[in-house]
Amino acid sequence: MSDASMVVSERVARAGILTAVVGLLLDQVTKIWVLFGTDLPMGGEIKVAPFLDFVLVWNRGISYGLFQQESGIGRWLLVGFTVVAVIALAVWLRRADKMLTAVSLGLIVGGAIGNLIDRVIHGAVVDFVYLHGFGFSWYVFNLADAWIVAGVIGLLYDSFRPGHSDAANGG
């Protein structure tokens, strides 16, 4: 690898890491606000818009409430799975040579760590964003979930770009 490509690779990796850190911080700050700065833990509700409310839901499963784990062993299995996934994604991020790949991976890593922190500290993930309207009701989610979805969309977009194989080959 030439010096110029190493510099580009370092810059790309730093952008992904910065994305992960900023995403993680924003996620955790909003969750701290929900838990300690509102009455949502007491069953309150904040109407933000006709289609958006903040309500507190403790998610003991994975995204969208799938695979709910009420037992301690289930919780720690999810923690272990998340740690392994974060490590694998961080290795991929470190090897990424395209900005979109690195930023997308940074979003996923930041979101995964944010939800991991919740699961370790609280035993469940703090979800609070509730979208609804016109008879449609979406799952309650948090910023970490939004980061993960945005990151996956970025990786999918990147993998379908002509002449680009970074997302497909893990590096």
C-alpha atoms as a PDB file:
ATOM      1  CA  MET A   1       0.000   0.000   0.000  1.00  0.00           C
ATOM      2  CA  SER A   2       1.431   3.388  -0.971  1.00  0.00           C
ATOM      3  CA  ASP A   3       1.865   6.250   1.471  1.00  0.00           C
ATOM      4  CA  ALA A   4      -0.914   8.215  -0.253  1.00  0.00           C
ATOM      5  CA  SER A   5      -3.401   5.352   0.009  1.00  0.00           C
ATOM      6  CA  MET A   6      -2.443   4.791   3.653  1.00  0.00           C
ATOM      7  CA  VAL A   7      -3.212   8.453   4.386  1.00  0.00           C
ATOM      8  CA  VAL A   8      -6.588   8.145   2.629  1.00  0.00           C
ATOM      9  CA  SER A   9      -7.313   4.907   4.477  1.00  0.00           C
ATOM     10  CA  GLU A  10      -6.458   6.540   7.828  1.00  0.00           C
ATOM     11  CA  ARG A  11      -8.708   9.521   7.034  1.00  0.00           C
ATOM     12  CA  VAL A  12     -11.560   7.212   6.030  1.00  0.00           C
ATOM     13  CA  ALA A  13     -11.175   5.115   9.194  1.00  0.00           C
ATOM     14  CA  ARG A  14     -11.083   8.251  11.374  1.00  0.00           C
ATOM     15  CA  ALA A  15     -14.313   9.482   9.767  1.00  0.00           C
ATOM     16  CA  GLY A  16     -15.985   6.159  10.568  1.00  0.00           C
ATOM     17  CA  ILE A  17     -14.729   6.196  14.147  1.00  0.00           C
ATOM     18  CA  LEU A  18     -15.832   9.819  14.612  1.00  0.00           C
ATOM     19  CA  THR A  19     -19.265   8.900  13.246  1.00  0.00           C
ATOM     20  CA  ALA A  20     -19.497   6.035  15.749  1.00  0.00           C
ATOM     21  CA  VAL A  21     -18.478   8.254  18.684  1.00  0.00           C
ATOM     22  CA  VAL A  22     -20.832  11.119  17.776  1.00  0.00           C
ATOM     23  CA  GLY A  23     -23.712   8.704  17.139  1.00  0.00           C
ATOM     24  CA  LEU A  24     -23.077   6.939  20.445  1.00  0.00           C
ATOM     25  CA  LEU A  25     -22.940  10.220  22.379  1.00  0.00           C
ATOM     26  CA  LEU A  26     -26.143  11.577  20.815  1.00  0.00           C
ATOM     27  CA  ASP A  27     -27.914   8.288  21.526  1.00  0.00           C
ATOM     28  CA  GLN A  28     -26.822   8.178  25.160  1.00  0.00           C
ATOM     29  CA  VAL A  29     -27.564  11.868  25.811  1.00  0.00           C
ATOM     30  CA  THR A  30     -31.127  11.460  24.520  1.00  0.00           C
ATOM     31  CA  LYS A  31     -31.644   8.341  26.623  1.00  0.00           C
ATOM     32  CA  ILE A  32     -30.343  10.069  29.751  1.00  0.00           C
ATOM     33  CA  TRP A  33     -32.728  12.951  29.029  1.00  0.00           C
ATOM     34  CA  VAL A  34     -35.644  10.515  28.632  1.00  0.00           C
ATOM     35  CA  LEU A  35     -34.848   8.695  31.878  1.00  0.00           C
ATOM     36  CA  PHE A  36     -33.905  11.639  34.089  1.00  0.00           C
ATOM     37  CA  GLY A  37     -35.246  14.773  32.428  1.00  0.00           C
ATOM     38  CA  THR A  38     -38.819  13.775  31.647  1.00  0.00           C
ATOM     39  CA  ASP A  39     -41.780  12.043  33.258  1.00  0.00           C
ATOM     40  CA  LEU A  40     -41.675   9.254  30.645  1.00  0.00           C
ATOM     41  CA  PRO A  41     -40.435   6.672  33.196  1.00  0.00           C
ATOM     42  CA  MET A  42     -43.636   7.278  35.175  1.00  0.00           C
ATOM     43  CA  GLY A  43     -45.777   6.489  32.141  1.00  0.00           C
ATOM     44  CA  GLY A  44     -45.829  10.003  30.730  1.00  0.00           C
ATOM     45  CA  GLU A  45     -46.013  10.948  27.091  1.00  0.00           C
ATOM     46  CA  ILE A  46     -44.638  13.902  25.154  1.00  0.00           C
ATOM     47  CA  LYS A  47     -46.566  14.886  22.022  1.00  0.00           C
ATOM     48  CA  VAL A  48     -44.000  16.316  19.613  1.00  0.00           C
ATOM     49  CA  ALA A  49     -46.110  16.406  16.449  1.00  0.00           C
ATOM     50  CA  PRO A  50     -49.413  14.883  15.266  1.00  0.00           C
ATOM     51  CA  PHE A  51     -47.402  11.881  14.027  1.00  0.00           C
ATOM     52  CA  LEU A  52     -44.645  11.758  16.673  1.00  0.00           C
ATOM     53  CA  ASP A  53     -44.732  11.077  20.409  1.00  0.00           C
ATOM     54  CA  PHE A  54     -42.072  10.261  22.960  1.00  0.00           C
ATOM     55  CA  VAL A  55     -43.015   7.324  25.205  1.00  0.00           C
ATOM     56  CA  LEU A  56     -40.766   4.999  27.189  1.00  0.00           C
ATOM     57  CA  VAL A  57     -40.593   1.345  26.202  1.00  0.00           C
ATOM     58  CA  TRP A  58     -38.069  -1.109  27.617  1.00  0.00           C
ATOM     59  CA  ASN A  59     -36.984  -3.381  24.772  1.00  0.00           C
ATOM     60  CA  ARG A  60     -35.582  -6.673  26.060  1.00  0.00           C
ATOM     61  CA  GLY A  61     -35.110  -8.036  22.552  1.00  0.00           C
ATOM     62  CA  ILE A  62     -33.310  -6.867  19.451  1.00  0.00           C
ATOM     63  CA  SER A  63     -34.470  -4.387  16.837  1.00  0.00           C
ATOM     64  CA  TYR A  64     -38.222  -3.870  16.639  1.00  0.00           C
ATOM     65  CA  GLY A  65     -38.779  -5.973  19.750  1.00  0.00           C
ATOM     66  CA  LEU A  66     -37.837  -9.273  18.117  1.00  0.00           C
ATOM     67  CA  PHE A  67     -36.538 -12.135  20.274  1.00  0.00           C
ATOM     68  CA  GLN A  68     -37.620 -10.714  23.626  1.00  0.00           C
ATOM     69  CA  GLN A  69     -35.405 -12.039  26.444  1.00  0.00           C
ATOM     70  CA  GLU A  70     -36.876 -12.046  29.915  1.00  0.00           C
ATOM     71  CA  SER A  71     -34.143 -14.217  31.451  1.00  0.00           C
ATOM     72  CA  GLY A  72     -30.701 -13.156  32.579  1.00  0.00           C
ATOM     73  CA  ILE A  73     -29.053 -15.681  30.296  1.00  0.00           C
ATOM     74  CA  GLY A  74     -30.950 -14.325  27.282  1.00  0.00           C
ATOM     75  CA  ARG A  75     -29.853 -10.816  28.146  1.00  0.00           C
ATOM     76  CA  TRP A  76     -26.190 -11.802  28.413  1.00  0.00           C
ATOM     77  CA  LEU A  77     -26.346 -13.854  25.216  1.00  0.00           C
ATOM     78  CA  LEU A  78     -27.558 -10.722  23.429  1.00  0.00           C
ATOM     79  CA  VAL A  79     -24.751  -8.741  25.081  1.00  0.00           C
ATOM     80  CA  GLY A  80     -22.196 -11.313  23.916  1.00  0.00           C
ATOM     81  CA  PHE A  81     -23.591 -11.402  20.386  1.00  0.00           C
ATOM     82  CA  THR A  82     -23.486  -7.598  20.229  1.00  0.00           C
ATOM     83  CA  VAL A  83     -19.878  -7.469  21.439  1.00  0.00           C
ATOM     84  CA  VAL A  84     -18.813  -9.971  18.770  1.00  0.00           C
ATOM     85  CA  ALA A  85     -20.743  -8.052  16.080  1.00  0.00           C
ATOM     86  CA  VAL A  86     -19.204  -4.717  17.148  1.00  0.00           C
ATOM     87  CA  ILE A  87     -15.692  -6.188  17.021  1.00  0.00           C
ATOM     88  CA  ALA A  88     -16.272  -7.645  13.548  1.00  0.00           C
ATOM     89  CA  LEU A  89     -17.771  -4.373  12.275  1.00  0.00           C
ATOM     90  CA  ALA A  90     -14.916  -2.363  13.810  1.00  0.00           C
ATOM     91  CA  VAL A  91     -12.369  -4.535  11.991  1.00  0.00           C
ATOM     92  CA  TRP A  92     -14.299  -4.005   8.755  1.00  0.00           C
ATOM     93  CA  LEU A  93     -14.435  -0.254   9.436  1.00  0.00           C
ATOM     94  CA  ARG A  94     -10.675  -0.148  10.015  1.00  0.00           C
ATOM     95  CA  ARG A  95     -10.099  -1.829   6.645  1.00  0.00           C
ATOM     96  CA  ALA A  96     -12.636   0.262   4.716  1.00  0.00           C
ATOM     97  CA  ASP A  97     -11.213   2.420   1.962  1.00  0.00           C
ATOM     98  CA  LYS A  98     -14.395   4.237   0.942  1.00  0.00           C
ATOM     99  CA  MET A  99     -15.925   7.056   2.976  1.00  0.00           C
ATOM    100  CA  LEU A 100     -19.523   5.824   2.603  1.00  0.00           C
ATOM    101  CA  THR A 101     -18.562   2.369   3.842  1.00  0.00           C
ATOM    102  CA  ALA A 102     -16.691   3.763   6.849  1.00  0.00           C
ATOM    103  CA  VAL A 103     -19.433   6.221   7.831  1.00  0.00           C
ATOM    104  CA  SER A 104     -22.121   3.550   7.396  1.00  0.00           C
ATOM    105  CA  LEU A 105     -20.150   1.134   9.563  1.00  0.00           C
ATOM    106  CA  GLY A 106     -19.565   3.930  12.086  1.00  0.00           C
ATOM    107  CA  LEU A 107     -23.334   4.478  12.329  1.00  0.00           C
ATOM    108  CA  ILE A 108     -23.933   0.773  12.930  1.00  0.00           C
ATOM    109  CA  VAL A 109     -21.119   0.465  15.480  1.00  0.00           C
ATOM    110  CA  GLY A 110     -22.194   3.595  17.375  1.00  0.00           C
ATOM    111  CA  GLY A 111     -25.803   2.431  17.454  1.00  0.00           C
ATOM    112  CA  ALA A 112     -24.892  -1.094  18.510  1.00  0.00           C
ATOM    113  CA  ILE A 113     -22.689   0.168  21.341  1.00  0.00           C
ATOM    114  CA  GLY A 114     -25.438   2.569  22.464  1.00  0.00           C
ATOM    115  CA  ASN A 115     -27.956  -0.258  22.757  1.00  0.00           C
ATOM    116  CA  LEU A 116     -25.294  -2.507  24.317  1.00  0.00           C
ATOM    117  CA  ILE A 117     -24.714   0.049  27.077  1.00  0.00           C
ATOM    118  CA  ASP A 118     -28.460   0.113  27.810  1.00  0.00           C
ATOM    119  CA  ARG A 119     -28.680  -3.664  27.944  1.00  0.00           C
ATOM    120  CA  VAL A 120     -25.718  -3.915  30.336  1.00  0.00           C
ATOM    121  CA  ILE A 121     -26.826  -1.060  32.632  1.00  0.00           C
ATOM    122  CA  HIS A 122     -30.621  -1.418  32.540  1.00  0.00           C
ATOM    123  CA  GLY A 123     -31.176  -4.986  31.359  1.00  0.00           C
ATOM    124  CA  ALA A 124     -33.112  -3.610  28.380  1.00  0.00           C
ATOM    125  CA  VAL A 125     -32.797  -0.995  25.661  1.00  0.00           C
ATOM    126  CA  VAL A 126     -34.371   2.439  26.191  1.00  0.00           C
ATOM    127  CA  ASP A 127     -36.748   3.069  23.261  1.00  0.00           C
ATOM    128  CA  PHE A 128     -38.814   6.239  23.127  1.00  0.00           C
ATOM    129  CA  VAL A 129     -39.529   7.537  19.601  1.00  0.00           C
ATOM    130  CA  TYR A 130     -43.048   6.593  18.469  1.00  0.00           C
ATOM    131  CA  LEU A 131     -44.134   7.377  14.907  1.00  0.00           C
ATOM    132  CA  HIS A 132     -47.804   7.045  13.972  1.00  0.00           C
ATOM    133  CA  GLY A 133     -50.524   8.560  11.826  1.00  0.00           C
ATOM    134  CA  PHE A 134     -53.324   7.815   9.394  1.00  0.00           C
ATOM    135  CA  GLY A 135     -53.963   4.465  11.072  1.00  0.00           C
ATOM    136  CA  PHE A 136     -50.260   3.555  10.853  1.00  0.00           C
ATOM    137  CA  SER A 137     -48.336   2.762  14.008  1.00  0.00           C
ATOM    138  CA  TRP A 138     -44.587   2.126  13.882  1.00  0.00           C
ATOM    139  CA  TYR A 139     -42.433   0.432  16.471  1.00  0.00           C
ATOM    140  CA  VAL A 140     -40.999   2.510  19.296  1.00  0.00           C
ATOM    141  CA  PHE A 141     -37.287   3.035  18.679  1.00  0.00           C
ATOM    142  CA  ASN A 142     -34.315   5.211  19.659  1.00  0.00           C
ATOM    143  CA  LEU A 143     -31.514   7.075  17.906  1.00  0.00           C
ATOM    144  CA  ALA A 144     -29.235   4.019  18.036  1.00  0.00           C
ATOM    145  CA  ASP A 145     -31.822   2.071  16.050  1.00  0.00           C
ATOM    146  CA  ALA A 146     -32.056   4.913  13.526  1.00  0.00           C
ATOM    147  CA  TRP A 147     -28.248   4.955  13.181  1.00  0.00           C
ATOM    148  CA  ILE A 148     -28.178   1.190  12.590  1.00  0.00           C
ATOM    149  CA  VAL A 149     -30.885   1.363   9.921  1.00  0.00           C
ATOM    150  CA  ALA A 150     -29.182   4.328   8.221  1.00  0.00           C
ATOM    151  CA  GLY A 151     -25.859   2.476   8.302  1.00  0.00           C
ATOM    152  CA  VAL A 152     -27.352  -0.662   6.760  1.00  0.00           C
ATOM    153  CA  ILE A 153     -29.001   1.441   4.046  1.00  0.00           C
ATOM    154  CA  GLY A 154     -25.633   3.105   3.374  1.00  0.00           C
ATOM    155  CA  LEU A 155     -23.891  -0.268   3.081  1.00  0.00           C
ATOM    156  CA  LEU A 156     -26.598  -1.596   0.772  1.00  0.00           C
ATOM    157  CA  TYR A 157     -26.397   1.492  -1.414  1.00  0.00           C
ATOM    158  CA  ASP A 158     -22.624   1.265  -1.453  1.00  0.00           C
ATOM    159  CA  SER A 159     -22.665  -2.425  -2.377  1.00  0.00           C
ATOM    160  CA  PHE A 160     -24.866  -1.807  -5.415  1.00  0.00           C
ATOM    161  CA  ARG A 161     -22.799   1.057  -6.818  1.00  0.00           C
ATOM    162  CA  PRO A 162     -21.155   0.101 -10.110  1.00  0.00           C
ATOM    163  CA  GLY A 163     -17.519  -0.908  -9.828  1.00  0.00           C
ATOM    164  CA  HIS A 164     -17.535  -0.957  -6.049  1.00  0.00           C
ATOM    165  CA  SER A 165     -16.730  -4.141  -4.148  1.00  0.00           C
ATOM    166  CA  ASP A 166     -15.691  -2.797  -0.707  1.00  0.00           C
ATOM    167  CA  ALA A 167     -19.014  -3.567   0.997  1.00  0.00           C
ATOM    168  CA  ALA A 168     -19.217  -7.005  -0.605  1.00  0.00           C
ATOM    169  CA  ASN A 169     -15.741  -8.230   0.312  1.00  0.00           C
ATOM    170  CA  GLY A 170     -15.440  -6.800   3.853  1.00  0.00           C
ATOM    171  CA  GLY A 171     -12.565  -4.531   3.114  1.00  0.00           C
END
